[in-house]
Amino acid sequence: MKQKLLRVGTTYLPVSNVDLSSEWYVTNLGAVLNYKDKDKAILDFANQSIFLVKAQENQSANFYNSYGEECFSMTFEVNGLNVLEDIHREFKEKEIKVGVIENRGHSGRNFVFYDPDGNKFDVWSELSPIFKEKFLT
């Protein structure tokens, strides 16, 4: 294959209520709402497009690994430990369900958080070098 997949352009997340979920993402995560109808909302944040799709009851983007542990399907990167700690504190103040800041044995630190539908996300204190080079220099 000569061509390469260059980036993830859109991520789809199941939600139970498009109106409430899109408002939550705008208010709590700083997303920009580009489009909304009864079945979906299109948001821009974290350098990509996120579609919130009205799904059947009890759906989430989470999955279980071979040990039965619930896993997230997406990690957001932030620029450093201080930023990670600030976001963690802000999420707690907003009463967003968050986990503790963890040392997982690799560079940086992480914590998980959940949206109102139980979609589980990860936040990592390390930006990828390519992102830093392209967008922060």
C-alpha atoms as a PDB file:
ATOM      1  CA  MET A   1       0.000   0.000   0.000  1.00  0.00           C
ATOM      2  CA  LYS A   2       1.632   3.222  -1.139  1.00  0.00           C
ATOM      3  CA  GLN A   3      -0.822   5.591   0.540  1.00  0.00           C
ATOM      4  CA  LYS A   4      -0.991   5.935   4.305  1.00  0.00           C
ATOM      5  CA  LEU A   5      -3.882   6.627   6.610  1.00  0.00           C
ATOM      6  CA  LEU A   6      -2.922  10.055   7.909  1.00  0.00           C
ATOM      7  CA  ARG A   7      -5.240  10.804  10.802  1.00  0.00           C
ATOM      8  CA  VAL A   8      -8.483   9.962  12.505  1.00  0.00           C
ATOM      9  CA  GLY A   9     -10.970  12.488  11.174  1.00  0.00           C
ATOM     10  CA  THR A  10     -14.159  11.512  12.985  1.00  0.00           C
ATOM     11  CA  THR A  11     -15.037   9.520  16.076  1.00  0.00           C
ATOM     12  CA  TYR A  12     -18.594   8.326  16.713  1.00  0.00           C
ATOM     13  CA  LEU A  13     -19.937   8.078  20.257  1.00  0.00           C
ATOM     14  CA  PRO A  14     -23.273   6.567  21.315  1.00  0.00           C
ATOM     15  CA  VAL A  15     -25.485   8.791  23.460  1.00  0.00           C
ATOM     16  CA  SER A  16     -28.994   8.474  24.852  1.00  0.00           C
ATOM     17  CA  ASN A  17     -30.018  12.125  24.406  1.00  0.00           C
ATOM     18  CA  VAL A  18     -28.405  14.210  21.656  1.00  0.00           C
ATOM     19  CA  ASP A  19     -29.524  17.561  23.115  1.00  0.00           C
ATOM     20  CA  LEU A  20     -28.302  16.908  26.656  1.00  0.00           C
ATOM     21  CA  SER A  21     -25.088  15.226  25.544  1.00  0.00           C
ATOM     22  CA  SER A  22     -24.101  17.922  23.058  1.00  0.00           C
ATOM     23  CA  GLU A  23     -24.709  20.586  25.727  1.00  0.00           C
ATOM     24  CA  TRP A  24     -22.554  18.578  28.198  1.00  0.00           C
ATOM     25  CA  TYR A  25     -19.657  18.308  25.725  1.00  0.00           C
ATOM     26  CA  VAL A  26     -19.839  22.025  24.868  1.00  0.00           C
ATOM     27  CA  THR A  27     -20.074  23.136  28.501  1.00  0.00           C
ATOM     28  CA  ASN A  28     -17.624  20.712  30.096  1.00  0.00           C
ATOM     29  CA  LEU A  29     -15.086  19.914  27.377  1.00  0.00           C
ATOM     30  CA  GLY A  30     -15.134  23.120  25.338  1.00  0.00           C
ATOM     31  CA  ALA A  31     -16.471  21.436  22.207  1.00  0.00           C
ATOM     32  CA  VAL A  32     -17.828  23.535  19.363  1.00  0.00           C
ATOM     33  CA  LEU A  33     -21.261  22.475  18.125  1.00  0.00           C
ATOM     34  CA  ASN A  34     -21.352  22.489  14.310  1.00  0.00           C
ATOM     35  CA  TYR A  35     -24.624  20.675  13.644  1.00  0.00           C
ATOM     36  CA  LYS A  36     -27.437  19.014  15.561  1.00  0.00           C
ATOM     37  CA  ASP A  37     -30.646  17.199  14.715  1.00  0.00           C
ATOM     38  CA  LYS A  38     -32.720  14.622  16.611  1.00  0.00           C
ATOM     39  CA  ASP A  39     -30.359  11.764  15.721  1.00  0.00           C
ATOM     40  CA  LYS A  40     -26.873  13.264  15.959  1.00  0.00           C
ATOM     41  CA  ALA A  41     -24.690  16.200  16.891  1.00  0.00           C
ATOM     42  CA  ILE A  42     -21.411  17.072  15.194  1.00  0.00           C
ATOM     43  CA  LEU A  43     -18.802  18.595  17.486  1.00  0.00           C
ATOM     44  CA  ASP A  44     -15.268  19.839  16.990  1.00  0.00           C
ATOM     45  CA  PHE A  45     -12.799  19.406  19.834  1.00  0.00           C
ATOM     46  CA  ALA A  46      -9.461  17.805  20.575  1.00  0.00           C
ATOM     47  CA  ASN A  47      -8.406  18.457  16.992  1.00  0.00           C
ATOM     48  CA  GLN A  48     -11.052  16.251  15.396  1.00  0.00           C
ATOM     49  CA  SER A  49     -14.737  15.851  14.645  1.00  0.00           C
ATOM     50  CA  ILE A  50     -16.869  13.948  17.155  1.00  0.00           C
ATOM     51  CA  PHE A  51     -20.324  12.679  16.198  1.00  0.00           C
ATOM     52  CA  LEU A  52     -22.712  12.050  19.084  1.00  0.00           C
ATOM     53  CA  VAL A  53     -25.175   9.504  17.718  1.00  0.00           C
ATOM     54  CA  LYS A  54     -28.497   8.659  19.356  1.00  0.00           C
ATOM     55  CA  ALA A  55     -28.140   4.997  20.237  1.00  0.00           C
ATOM     56  CA  GLN A  56     -30.223   2.261  21.787  1.00  0.00           C
ATOM     57  CA  GLU A  57     -30.359   2.110  25.584  1.00  0.00           C
ATOM     58  CA  ASN A  58     -27.283   1.140  27.602  1.00  0.00           C
ATOM     59  CA  GLN A  59     -24.778   1.626  24.774  1.00  0.00           C
ATOM     60  CA  SER A  60     -21.273   3.019  25.237  1.00  0.00           C
ATOM     61  CA  ALA A  61     -17.963   3.050  23.412  1.00  0.00           C
ATOM     62  CA  ASN A  62     -16.385   1.053  26.255  1.00  0.00           C
ATOM     63  CA  PHE A  63     -15.289  -2.564  25.996  1.00  0.00           C
ATOM     64  CA  TYR A  64     -13.948  -5.250  28.327  1.00  0.00           C
ATOM     65  CA  ASN A  65     -10.463  -6.714  28.030  1.00  0.00           C
ATOM     66  CA  SER A  66      -9.614 -10.374  28.507  1.00  0.00           C
ATOM     67  CA  TYR A  67      -9.376  -9.811  32.298  1.00  0.00           C
ATOM     68  CA  GLY A  68     -12.907  -8.423  32.487  1.00  0.00           C
ATOM     69  CA  GLU A  69     -11.742  -4.834  33.052  1.00  0.00           C
ATOM     70  CA  GLU A  70     -13.721  -2.034  31.426  1.00  0.00           C
ATOM     71  CA  CYS A  71     -11.552  -0.140  28.932  1.00  0.00           C
ATOM     72  CA  PHE A  72     -11.807   3.247  27.264  1.00  0.00           C
ATOM     73  CA  SER A  73     -11.616   3.571  23.521  1.00  0.00           C
ATOM     74  CA  MET A  74     -10.024   7.023  23.376  1.00  0.00           C
ATOM     75  CA  THR A  75      -7.176   8.892  25.076  1.00  0.00           C
ATOM     76  CA  PHE A  76      -6.931  12.670  25.025  1.00  0.00           C
ATOM     77  CA  GLU A  77      -3.468  14.207  25.316  1.00  0.00           C
ATOM     78  CA  VAL A  78      -2.623  17.369  27.248  1.00  0.00           C
ATOM     79  CA  ASN A  79       0.605  19.326  27.424  1.00  0.00           C
ATOM     80  CA  GLY A  80       2.192  18.312  30.721  1.00  0.00           C
ATOM     81  CA  LEU A  81       1.471  17.132  34.229  1.00  0.00           C
ATOM     82  CA  ASN A  82       0.404  20.572  35.495  1.00  0.00           C
ATOM     83  CA  VAL A  83      -2.244  20.802  32.768  1.00  0.00           C
ATOM     84  CA  LEU A  84      -3.420  17.259  33.544  1.00  0.00           C
ATOM     85  CA  GLU A  85      -3.754  18.134  37.247  1.00  0.00           C
ATOM     86  CA  ASP A  86      -5.615  21.369  36.434  1.00  0.00           C
ATOM     87  CA  ILE A  87      -8.083  19.572  34.150  1.00  0.00           C
ATOM     88  CA  HIS A  88      -8.574  16.812  36.730  1.00  0.00           C
ATOM     89  CA  ARG A  89      -9.360  19.422  39.400  1.00  0.00           C
ATOM     90  CA  GLU A  90     -11.698  21.323  37.031  1.00  0.00           C
ATOM     91  CA  PHE A  91     -13.577  18.130  36.119  1.00  0.00           C
ATOM     92  CA  LYS A  92     -14.032  17.306  39.811  1.00  0.00           C
ATOM     93  CA  GLU A  93     -15.341  20.826  40.462  1.00  0.00           C
ATOM     94  CA  LYS A  94     -17.830  20.350  37.599  1.00  0.00           C
ATOM     95  CA  GLU A  95     -18.837  17.038  39.221  1.00  0.00           C
ATOM     96  CA  ILE A  96     -17.721  14.997  36.227  1.00  0.00           C
ATOM     97  CA  LYS A  97     -17.068  11.390  37.217  1.00  0.00           C
ATOM     98  CA  VAL A  98     -13.262  11.035  37.236  1.00  0.00           C
ATOM     99  CA  GLY A  99     -10.728   8.483  38.400  1.00  0.00           C
ATOM    100  CA  VAL A 100      -7.542   9.219  40.312  1.00  0.00           C
ATOM    101  CA  ILE A 101      -4.382  10.430  38.600  1.00  0.00           C
ATOM    102  CA  GLU A 102      -2.387   7.269  37.937  1.00  0.00           C
ATOM    103  CA  ASN A 103       1.184   6.245  37.258  1.00  0.00           C
ATOM    104  CA  ARG A 104       0.808   3.381  34.782  1.00  0.00           C
ATOM    105  CA  GLY A 105       4.499   2.630  34.479  1.00  0.00           C
ATOM    106  CA  HIS A 106       5.166   4.674  31.338  1.00  0.00           C
ATOM    107  CA  SER A 107       6.040   8.326  30.845  1.00  0.00           C
ATOM    108  CA  GLY A 108       3.497  10.805  32.076  1.00  0.00           C
ATOM    109  CA  ARG A 109       0.375  10.351  34.161  1.00  0.00           C
ATOM    110  CA  ASN A 110      -3.242   9.533  33.300  1.00  0.00           C
ATOM    111  CA  PHE A 111      -6.759   9.689  34.634  1.00  0.00           C
ATOM    112  CA  VAL A 112     -10.100   8.509  33.288  1.00  0.00           C
ATOM    113  CA  PHE A 113     -13.407  10.352  33.124  1.00  0.00           C
ATOM    114  CA  TYR A 114     -16.935   9.547  31.969  1.00  0.00           C
ATOM    115  CA  ASP A 115     -19.582  11.406  30.012  1.00  0.00           C
ATOM    116  CA  PRO A 116     -23.244  11.254  31.164  1.00  0.00           C
ATOM    117  CA  ASP A 117     -23.834   8.075  29.110  1.00  0.00           C
ATOM    118  CA  GLY A 118     -20.920   6.250  30.725  1.00  0.00           C
ATOM    119  CA  ASN A 119     -18.524   6.585  27.780  1.00  0.00           C
ATOM    120  CA  LYS A 120     -15.133   6.224  29.421  1.00  0.00           C
ATOM    121  CA  PHE A 121     -12.193   8.359  28.282  1.00  0.00           C
ATOM    122  CA  ASP A 122      -8.547   8.619  29.242  1.00  0.00           C
ATOM    123  CA  VAL A 123      -6.426  11.752  29.619  1.00  0.00           C
ATOM    124  CA  TRP A 124      -2.634  11.516  29.316  1.00  0.00           C
ATOM    125  CA  SER A 125      -0.154  14.213  30.306  1.00  0.00           C
ATOM    126  CA  GLU A 126       2.073  13.666  27.256  1.00  0.00           C
ATOM    127  CA  LEU A 127       1.574  15.194  23.821  1.00  0.00           C
ATOM    128  CA  SER A 128       2.851  13.194  20.882  1.00  0.00           C
ATOM    129  CA  PRO A 129       6.084  14.647  19.450  1.00  0.00           C
ATOM    130  CA  ILE A 130       4.562  14.966  15.958  1.00  0.00           C
ATOM    131  CA  PHE A 131       1.628  16.984  17.308  1.00  0.00           C
ATOM    132  CA  LYS A 132       4.009  19.261  19.246  1.00  0.00           C
ATOM    133  CA  GLU A 133       6.146  19.788  16.159  1.00  0.00           C
ATOM    134  CA  LYS A 134       3.234  20.580  13.847  1.00  0.00           C
ATOM    135  CA  PHE A 135       0.971  22.583  16.116  1.00  0.00           C
ATOM    136  CA  LEU A 136       2.949  24.017  19.025  1.00  0.00           C
ATOM    137  CA  THR A 137       6.089  25.419  17.386  1.00  0.00           C
END
